[in-house]
Structures are given as structure tokens and as C-alpha cells.
Amino acid sequence: MTDSRGTPLADSPDCRPALPLAFWKDICSTLHLWKQIVGKIRLALTPLSNHWWNVTLYLSTCGLTTSPVSYGPRLFKVEFEK
């Protein structure tokens, strides 16, 4: 199904609520900094992989997550919930 311009309805701007930058700019900056911190921790604790794949965040049902990271005899993972 498409709109009058031939754009699929799922991609139509009418399908998504407005999200003005002023509303979430501070949240975006904070989240970006926390993701950088988690990336640096993973960089220090995991073996280097091609194209820095060892520091990626993965999409989960709750938001973004890391794969398990070993720290001594223990494992941990970090989740950013939506």
C-alpha cells in the first residue's frame, strides 16, 4: 500500500510522530557519551577484531546491548533499555 506520492505507508512521515531535536537533544548527548564509555570498556577488555567489531552494540528486544564480556573469572554485559 502506498500514499499519493507512491511512498510505502510504513515510510510515510505521517506514520511516525514528530520528534523535534530540541526535545531530545540533551538525552541524545548523554546517551552518546554513555555508549562511548561502554565502547572504551569493551575495547580494553576484549580481543581486537576486524573493523572494531569487538566493540559493537547489538539490537535487542529492550534496546541496545553488548555481547558477554569477560572480566577475570566473571562475565558481564551492558544493556541500554529504550
Protein backbone atom coordinates (compact mmCIF):
# COMPACT_ATOMS: atom_id res chain seq x y z
CA MET A 1 0.00 0.00 0.00
CA THR A 2 1.37 3.44 -0.92
CA ASP A 3 0.44 7.07 -0.39
CA SER A 4 -0.33 9.62 -3.12
CA ARG A 5 3.41 10.07 -3.90
CA GLY A 6 3.99 6.33 -4.28
CA THR A 7 5.87 6.13 -0.96
CA PRO A 8 5.16 2.99 1.06
CA LEU A 9 2.95 3.85 4.04
CA ALA A 10 5.47 2.46 6.52
CA ASP A 11 7.96 5.07 5.25
CA SER A 12 5.46 7.91 5.20
CA PRO A 13 6.14 10.81 7.62
CA ASP A 14 2.51 10.51 8.75
CA CYS A 15 3.27 7.09 10.27
CA ARG A 16 5.76 8.48 12.77
CA PRO A 17 5.21 11.07 15.50
CA ALA A 18 7.11 14.34 15.31
CA LEU A 19 10.40 14.27 17.23
CA PRO A 20 11.84 17.79 17.33
CA LEU A 21 15.57 17.92 18.07
CA ALA A 22 15.12 20.44 20.88
CA PHE A 23 13.04 17.86 22.79
CA TRP A 24 15.66 15.08 22.85
CA LYS A 25 18.99 16.83 22.20
CA ASP A 26 20.22 16.52 25.81
CA ILE A 27 19.10 12.89 26.02
CA CYS A 28 20.91 12.14 22.77
CA SER A 29 24.15 13.70 24.00
CA THR A 30 24.02 11.81 27.30
CA LEU A 31 23.26 8.50 25.62
CA HIS A 32 26.08 9.06 23.13
CA LEU A 33 28.58 9.66 25.94
CA TRP A 34 27.47 6.52 27.83
CA LYS A 35 27.78 4.44 24.65
CA GLN A 36 31.31 5.78 24.17
CA ILE A 37 32.21 4.76 27.74
CA VAL A 38 30.89 1.23 27.17
CA GLY A 39 32.78 1.06 23.87
CA LYS A 40 36.05 2.02 25.59
CA ILE A 41 35.48 -0.63 28.28
CA ARG A 42 34.87 -3.26 25.62
CA LEU A 43 37.90 -2.07 23.69
CA ALA A 44 40.08 -2.59 26.76
CA LEU A 45 38.62 -5.97 27.79
CA THR A 46 38.02 -7.83 24.52
CA PRO A 47 40.47 -9.04 21.87
CA LEU A 48 40.70 -6.84 18.78
CA SER A 49 38.59 -7.97 15.83
CA ASN A 50 38.34 -6.82 12.20
CA HIS A 51 36.85 -3.35 11.80
CA TRP A 52 36.47 -2.95 15.61
CA TRP A 53 33.62 -5.49 15.69
CA ASN A 54 34.60 -6.33 19.26
CA VAL A 55 33.14 -3.01 20.49
CA THR A 56 29.79 -3.02 18.67
CA LEU A 57 26.41 -2.70 20.35
CA TYR A 58 23.70 -5.09 19.24
CA LEU A 59 19.98 -4.52 18.84
CA SER A 60 17.90 -6.43 21.40
CA THR A 61 14.22 -6.56 22.29
CA CYS A 62 14.84 -3.99 25.04
CA GLY A 63 17.17 -1.60 23.19
CA LEU A 64 20.94 -1.94 22.69
CA THR A 65 23.20 -4.49 24.36
CA THR A 66 26.74 -5.84 24.33
CA SER A 67 27.67 -9.46 24.00
CA PRO A 68 29.03 -11.00 27.22
CA VAL A 69 32.39 -9.51 28.21
CA SER A 70 34.80 -11.44 30.40
CA TYR A 71 36.36 -9.67 33.36
CA GLY A 72 38.60 -12.07 35.21
CA PRO A 73 36.55 -15.14 36.16
CA ARG A 74 33.23 -13.32 35.61
CA LEU A 75 31.11 -12.22 32.64
CA PHE A 76 29.03 -9.10 32.31
CA LYS A 77 27.03 -7.34 29.65
CA VAL A 78 25.61 -3.84 29.39
CA GLU A 79 22.11 -3.01 28.18
CA PHE A 80 20.67 0.35 27.15
CA GLU A 81 16.92 -0.01 27.52
CA LYS A 82 14.51 2.02 25.47
